[in-house]
Protein backbone atom coordinates (compact mmCIF):
# COMPACT_ATOMS: atom_id res chain seq x y z
CA UNK A 1 0.00 0.00 0.00
CA UNK A 2 1.42 3.38 -1.03
CA UNK A 3 1.96 6.07 1.57
CA UNK A 4 -0.65 8.38 0.03
CA UNK A 5 -3.30 5.64 0.02
CA UNK A 6 -2.42 4.77 3.60
CA UNK A 7 -2.80 8.40 4.68
CA UNK A 8 -6.18 8.69 3.00
CA UNK A 9 -7.44 5.64 4.87
CA UNK A 10 -6.16 7.03 8.17
CA UNK A 11 -7.72 10.42 7.39
CA UNK A 12 -11.10 8.82 6.74
CA UNK A 13 -10.91 6.75 9.92
CA UNK A 14 -10.62 9.90 12.04
CA UNK A 15 -14.31 10.54 11.43
CA UNK A 16 -15.13 7.66 13.76
CA UNK A 17 -12.87 9.11 16.43
CA UNK A 18 -14.55 12.50 16.10
CA UNK A 19 -17.88 10.81 16.68
CA UNK A 20 -16.43 9.00 19.70
CA UNK A 21 -15.18 12.30 21.17
CA UNK A 22 -18.59 13.90 20.56
CA UNK A 23 -20.33 10.98 22.27
CA UNK A 24 -17.99 11.22 25.28
CA UNK A 25 -18.54 14.99 25.61
CA UNK A 26 -22.31 14.66 25.21
CA UNK A 27 -22.41 11.84 27.78
CA UNK A 28 -20.38 13.79 30.36
CA UNK A 29 -22.59 16.86 29.90
CA UNK A 30 -25.76 14.82 30.36
CA UNK A 31 -24.53 12.76 33.30
CA UNK A 32 -23.31 15.79 35.24
CA UNK A 33 -25.90 18.32 34.10
CA UNK A 34 -23.16 20.81 33.29
CA UNK A 35 -24.78 22.54 30.31
CA UNK A 36 -25.56 25.80 32.11
CA UNK A 37 -22.15 25.87 33.74
CA UNK A 38 -20.47 25.50 30.35
CA UNK A 39 -22.52 28.38 28.94
CA UNK A 40 -20.97 30.69 31.57
CA UNK A 41 -17.43 30.03 30.33
CA UNK A 42 -15.08 33.01 30.16
CA UNK A 43 -14.25 33.15 26.44
CA UNK A 44 -11.01 35.07 26.96
CA UNK A 45 -9.59 32.36 29.23
CA UNK A 46 -10.93 29.67 26.90
CA UNK A 47 -9.12 31.34 23.99
CA UNK A 48 -5.96 31.59 26.10
CA UNK A 49 -6.20 27.91 27.02
CA UNK A 50 -6.65 26.97 23.36
CA UNK A 51 -3.72 29.16 22.33
CA UNK A 52 -1.45 27.54 24.93
CA UNK A 53 -2.44 24.09 23.69
CA UNK A 54 -1.78 24.99 20.06
CA UNK A 55 1.50 26.68 21.00
CA UNK A 56 2.48 23.53 22.91
CA UNK A 57 1.96 21.48 19.74
CA UNK A 58 3.98 24.03 17.75
CA UNK A 59 6.86 23.84 20.25
CA UNK A 60 6.67 20.03 20.11
CA UNK A 61 7.10 20.34 16.32
CA UNK A 62 10.04 22.71 16.74
CA UNK A 63 11.77 20.27 19.12
CA UNK A 64 11.23 17.44 16.63
CA UNK A 65 12.64 19.53 13.79
CA UNK A 66 15.59 20.65 15.92
CA UNK A 67 16.58 17.00 16.37
CA UNK A 68 15.99 16.21 12.70
CA UNK A 69 17.91 19.23 11.35
CA UNK A 70 21.17 17.59 12.41
CA UNK A 71 20.53 14.98 9.72
CA UNK A 72 17.93 16.39 7.30
CA UNK A 73 17.40 20.13 7.26
CA UNK A 74 13.97 21.67 6.77
CA UNK A 75 12.54 25.09 7.76
CA UNK A 76 10.84 25.17 11.15
CA UNK A 77 7.68 26.55 9.52
CA UNK A 78 7.34 23.38 7.44
CA UNK A 79 7.79 21.21 10.52
CA UNK A 80 5.05 23.08 12.40
CA UNK A 81 2.63 22.84 9.46
CA UNK A 82 3.19 19.09 9.01
CA UNK A 83 2.87 18.47 12.75
CA UNK A 84 -0.54 20.16 12.84
CA UNK A 85 -1.53 18.22 9.71
CA UNK A 86 -0.54 14.98 11.45
CA UNK A 87 -2.42 15.65 14.70
CA UNK A 88 -5.46 13.69 13.57
CA UNK A 89 -3.28 10.58 13.62
CA UNK A 90 -3.42 10.54 17.42
CA UNK A 91 -7.20 10.13 17.24
CA UNK A 92 -7.41 7.12 14.97
CA UNK A 93 -9.02 3.98 16.43
CA UNK A 94 -5.97 1.88 15.57
CA UNK A 95 -3.74 4.47 17.31
CA UNK A 96 -1.59 5.12 14.26
CA UNK A 97 -0.16 8.09 16.05
CA UNK A 98 0.78 11.61 15.12
CA UNK A 99 4.44 10.64 14.77
CA UNK A 100 3.76 7.92 12.19
CA UNK A 101 1.51 10.15 10.08
CA UNK A 102 4.01 13.02 10.28
CA UNK A 103 6.73 10.66 9.07
CA UNK A 104 4.68 9.78 5.98
CA UNK A 105 3.99 13.46 5.35
CA UNK A 106 7.69 14.30 5.76
CA UNK A 107 8.61 11.75 3.14
CA UNK A 108 5.86 12.86 0.80
CA UNK A 109 6.27 16.64 1.04
CA UNK A 110 9.79 17.24 2.40
CA UNK A 111 11.55 14.23 0.84
CA UNK A 112 12.89 13.27 4.27
CA UNK A 113 13.22 9.51 4.88
CA UNK A 114 10.33 8.35 7.06
CA UNK A 115 12.68 6.41 9.34
CA UNK A 116 14.66 9.55 10.16
CA UNK A 117 11.50 11.58 10.79
CA UNK A 118 10.05 8.86 13.03
CA UNK A 119 13.35 8.36 14.89
CA UNK A 120 13.49 12.08 15.65
CA UNK A 121 9.95 11.76 17.05
CA UNK A 122 11.04 8.90 19.30
CA UNK A 123 13.97 10.94 20.63
CA UNK A 124 11.72 13.86 21.62
CA UNK A 125 9.16 11.43 23.02
CA UNK A 126 11.83 9.90 25.24
CA UNK A 127 12.66 13.38 26.56
CA UNK A 128 9.00 14.07 27.30
CA UNK A 129 8.67 10.76 29.14
CA UNK A 130 11.58 11.68 31.41
CA UNK A 131 9.93 15.05 32.12
CA UNK A 132 6.67 13.27 33.01
CA UNK A 133 8.64 10.95 35.29
CA UNK A 134 9.96 14.04 37.11
CA UNK A 135 6.47 15.58 37.32
CA UNK A 136 4.91 12.34 38.60
CA UNK A 137 7.75 11.77 41.07
CA UNK A 138 7.38 15.30 42.43
CA UNK A 139 3.61 14.80 42.78
CA UNK A 140 4.07 11.51 44.62
CA UNK A 141 6.47 13.10 47.11
CA UNK A 142 4.15 16.06 47.76
CA UNK A 143 1.13 13.78 48.15
CA UNK A 144 2.97 11.62 50.64
CA UNK A 145 4.02 14.68 52.65
CA UNK A 146 0.52 16.19 52.60
CA UNK A 147 -1.42 13.05 53.44
CA UNK A 148 0.23 9.64 53.78
CA UNK A 149 -2.94 7.88 52.63
CA UNK A 150 -2.68 5.57 49.66
CA UNK A 151 -5.76 6.69 47.75
CA UNK A 152 -6.72 6.24 44.11
CA UNK A 153 -4.82 9.30 42.88
CA UNK A 154 -1.68 8.09 44.65
CA UNK A 155 -2.10 4.62 43.13
CA UNK A 156 -2.69 6.10 39.64
CA UNK A 157 0.47 8.17 39.93
CA UNK A 158 2.52 5.20 41.11
CA UNK A 159 1.33 3.06 38.19
CA UNK A 160 1.74 5.92 35.72
CA UNK A 161 5.17 6.76 37.12
CA UNK A 162 6.28 3.13 36.72
CA UNK A 163 4.95 2.80 33.16
CA UNK A 164 6.35 6.13 31.95
CA UNK A 165 9.71 5.42 33.61
CA UNK A 166 9.84 2.00 31.92
CA UNK A 167 9.00 3.54 28.53
CA UNK A 168 11.61 6.30 28.98
CA UNK A 169 14.30 3.76 29.90
CA UNK A 170 13.39 1.58 26.90
CA UNK A 171 13.66 4.57 24.55
CA UNK A 172 16.96 5.54 26.16
CA UNK A 173 18.25 1.98 25.81
CA UNK A 174 17.51 1.93 22.09
CA UNK A 175 20.68 3.94 21.49
CA UNK A 176 22.55 0.64 21.91
CA UNK A 177 22.09 -1.63 18.88
CA UNK A 178 22.16 -4.90 20.83
CA UNK A 179 19.27 -3.76 23.04
CA UNK A 180 17.41 -2.34 20.04
CA UNK A 181 17.61 -5.66 18.17
CA UNK A 182 16.10 -7.54 21.12
CA UNK A 183 13.23 -5.06 21.46
CA UNK A 184 12.70 -5.10 17.67
CA UNK A 185 12.35 -8.89 17.62
CA UNK A 186 9.66 -8.74 20.32
CA UNK A 187 7.73 -5.93 18.59
CA UNK A 188 7.95 -7.56 15.15
CA UNK A 189 6.44 -10.72 16.63
CA UNK A 190 3.71 -8.74 18.42
CA UNK A 191 2.78 -6.66 15.34
CA UNK A 192 3.12 -8.87 12.25
CA UNK A 193 0.53 -6.78 10.34
CA UNK A 194 3.00 -3.87 10.11
CA UNK A 195 5.21 -5.88 7.77
CA UNK A 196 2.51 -5.46 5.11
CA UNK A 197 3.45 -1.77 5.00
CA UNK A 198 7.14 -2.63 4.67
CA UNK A 199 7.78 -1.54 8.26
CA UNK A 200 10.66 -3.01 10.27
CA UNK A 201 11.39 -2.15 13.90
CA UNK A 202 14.96 -3.40 13.48
CA UNK A 203 15.64 -0.90 10.70
CA UNK A 204 13.87 1.90 12.60
CA UNK A 205 15.80 1.33 15.83
CA UNK A 206 19.10 1.21 13.92
CA UNK A 207 18.30 4.66 12.49
CA UNK A 208 17.28 5.86 15.96
CA UNK A 209 20.52 4.59 17.50
CA UNK A 210 22.62 6.24 14.80
CA UNK A 211 20.82 9.58 15.07
CA UNK A 212 20.90 9.75 18.87
CA UNK A 213 24.57 8.74 19.14
CA UNK A 214 25.61 11.32 16.50
CA UNK A 215 23.72 14.22 18.14
CA UNK A 216 26.06 16.64 19.89
CA UNK A 217 25.35 17.46 23.53
CA UNK A 218 24.29 21.06 22.83
CA UNK A 219 21.63 19.90 20.38
CA UNK A 220 20.30 17.39 22.92
CA UNK A 221 20.11 20.07 25.62
CA UNK A 222 18.27 22.53 23.38
CA UNK A 223 15.86 19.80 22.23
CA UNK A 224 15.18 18.85 25.86
CA UNK A 225 14.50 22.50 26.74
CA UNK A 226 12.08 22.84 23.80
CA UNK A 227 10.23 19.71 24.93
CA UNK A 228 10.08 21.17 28.45
CA UNK A 229 8.55 24.39 27.08
CA UNK A 230 6.01 22.37 25.12
CA UNK A 231 4.96 20.50 28.27
CA UNK A 232 4.89 23.75 30.26
CA UNK A 233 2.43 25.35 27.84
CA UNK A 234 0.28 22.21 27.95
CA UNK A 235 0.10 22.59 31.74
CA UNK A 236 -0.74 26.28 31.29
CA UNK A 237 -3.57 25.24 28.95
CA UNK A 238 -5.00 23.13 31.78
CA UNK A 239 -4.66 26.03 34.23
CA UNK A 240 -6.52 28.45 31.95
CA UNK A 241 -9.23 25.86 31.28
CA UNK A 242 -9.98 25.83 35.01
CA UNK A 243 -9.81 29.65 35.07
CA UNK A 244 -12.30 29.85 32.19
CA UNK A 245 -14.90 28.19 34.43
CA UNK A 246 -14.04 30.27 37.53
CA UNK A 247 -12.76 27.22 39.43
CA UNK A 248 -11.08 27.92 42.76
CA UNK A 249 -8.62 25.05 42.72
CA UNK A 250 -5.12 25.06 44.18
CA UNK A 251 -2.18 25.24 41.82
CA UNK A 252 -0.91 21.85 43.03
CA UNK A 253 -4.26 20.15 42.36
CA UNK A 254 -4.23 21.56 38.82
CA UNK A 255 -0.62 20.40 38.41
CA UNK A 256 -1.56 16.96 39.71
CA UNK A 257 -4.60 16.75 37.41
CA UNK A 258 -2.49 17.80 34.41
CA UNK A 259 0.15 15.19 35.25
CA UNK A 260 -2.39 12.39 35.63
CA UNK A 261 -4.27 13.15 32.41
CA UNK A 262 -1.00 13.61 30.51
CA UNK A 263 0.15 10.15 31.56
CA UNK A 264 -3.24 8.55 30.85
CA UNK A 265 -3.40 10.13 27.39
CA UNK A 266 -0.38 7.96 26.49
CA UNK A 267 -2.37 4.71 26.90
CA UNK A 268 -1.74 3.00 23.51
CA UNK A 269 -5.09 1.23 23.06
CA UNK A 270 -7.22 4.33 23.67
CA UNK A 271 -6.93 7.35 21.34
CA UNK A 272 -5.61 10.16 23.57
CA UNK A 273 -6.78 8.17 26.62
CA UNK A 274 -10.44 8.91 25.84
CA UNK A 275 -12.79 7.58 28.57
CA UNK A 276 -9.89 6.80 30.92
CA UNK A 277 -8.91 10.48 31.19
CA UNK A 278 -12.52 11.52 31.83
CA UNK A 279 -13.26 8.78 34.38
CA UNK A 280 -10.04 9.26 36.35
CA UNK A 281 -10.32 13.05 36.17
CA UNK A 282 -13.85 12.88 37.55
CA UNK A 283 -12.83 10.69 40.49
CA UNK A 284 -9.83 12.90 41.30
CA UNK A 285 -11.60 16.26 41.05
CA UNK A 286 -14.59 15.15 43.16
CA UNK A 287 -12.39 13.59 45.85
CA UNK A 288 -12.69 15.36 49.24
CA UNK A 289 -8.93 14.91 49.67
CA UNK A 290 -8.21 17.11 46.66
CA UNK A 291 -10.25 19.61 44.64
CA UNK A 292 -13.61 18.42 46.12
CA UNK A 293 -15.57 19.99 43.26
CA UNK A 294 -19.25 19.43 42.60
CA UNK A 295 -20.14 16.97 39.80
CA UNK A 296 -21.52 19.78 37.64
CA UNK A 297 -18.21 21.65 37.95
CA UNK A 298 -16.16 18.56 37.20
CA UNK A 299 -18.28 17.71 34.19
CA UNK A 300 -17.86 21.17 32.73
CA UNK A 301 -14.09 21.35 33.22
CA UNK A 302 -13.58 17.85 31.76
CA UNK A 303 -15.68 18.75 28.72
CA UNK A 304 -13.86 22.06 28.27
CA UNK A 305 -10.48 20.33 28.56
CA UNK A 306 -11.53 17.74 25.95
CA UNK A 307 -12.49 20.58 23.63
CA UNK A 308 -9.14 22.31 24.19
CA UNK A 309 -6.94 19.21 23.91
CA UNK A 310 -8.89 17.38 21.18
CA UNK A 311 -11.49 19.43 19.31
CA UNK A 312 -9.54 22.66 18.78
CA UNK A 313 -6.28 21.00 17.56
CA UNK A 314 -8.31 18.61 15.41
CA UNK A 315 -10.11 21.49 13.65
CA UNK A 316 -6.74 23.18 13.04
CA UNK A 317 -5.36 19.85 11.79
CA UNK A 318 -8.22 19.35 9.35
CA UNK A 319 -7.85 22.91 8.06
CA UNK A 320 -4.13 22.46 7.44
CA UNK A 321 -4.77 19.13 5.69
CA UNK A 322 -7.26 20.74 3.32
CA UNK A 323 -4.66 23.37 2.47
CA UNK A 324 -1.81 20.87 2.24
CA UNK A 325 -3.48 18.35 -0.05
CA UNK A 326 -5.10 21.20 -1.98
CA UNK A 327 -1.54 22.38 -2.76
CA UNK A 328 -2.17 25.78 -1.13
CA UNK A 329 0.93 25.77 1.09
CA UNK A 330 3.64 25.56 -1.56
CA UNK A 331 4.93 22.06 -0.69
CA UNK A 332 6.34 19.92 -3.48
CA UNK A 333 4.94 16.40 -3.50
CA UNK A 334 7.14 13.34 -3.79
CA UNK A 335 7.53 12.25 -7.44
């Protein structure tokens, strides 16, 4: 199957994910009776939250391109455009992922080998995982100091911390070829259907190992800082989403909520952690030990956050795709 045909199929499949998001939002609104509360949203804070989320995605694209420019140069503007175009990939039922779609687009429109584009994505993803490990570790320590009670939020953080730490260490270990070959064998066995697209984990991890080992320290530090800024603006987007609904919630509770939902959104079998993020967020925000919000307040903030993190970027992604495939952005397609 050609890359263009593959992308079209993925693009069509996002319709089902959009419907799933709409169903989740509609269900939360109805179960919590938060319609009136949502209608009172402060539009300026909502716009600020949306801007922070979009800027976070743009910074994520810049960090990816900064890694890639050491091996395949492309203007940062092109990287940002393709990253927004690829966002819909994170909402596909089969969890194709933004990184995979962006790699196809990079090959098609920037003539950059897909393996290099995807490897650069894995390097920045590893950096983000280590940042989430730090955020989760900090939250666990503060929770233990505040109240040494092993509640659900504490358990969620422990599990999330362990999973994210494991993933970060695996990504870090891929810089060594011997480790990468072992992981590749396991993944190739677990995902035989990927071979139909000519995909090989062994080849990918070899490219990853080569790219990471050849990156100079300064480039790694700058890339890590850019990833940190991207995560910071994502946390700010959460903060302004609460502010848009006039929620009086402590900064730590917002930080803790943002950390939990960020970890849960990485669950591979659920697009952007849909359902799991909402359910866990509801339990956390209504807990007397933390925010202790009313169900109507929780429902409204969860819905607003889903709009900010999913609906707004998706609309921008669809708009960029129309322009990209309509040849309105000046990209030259692969011959």
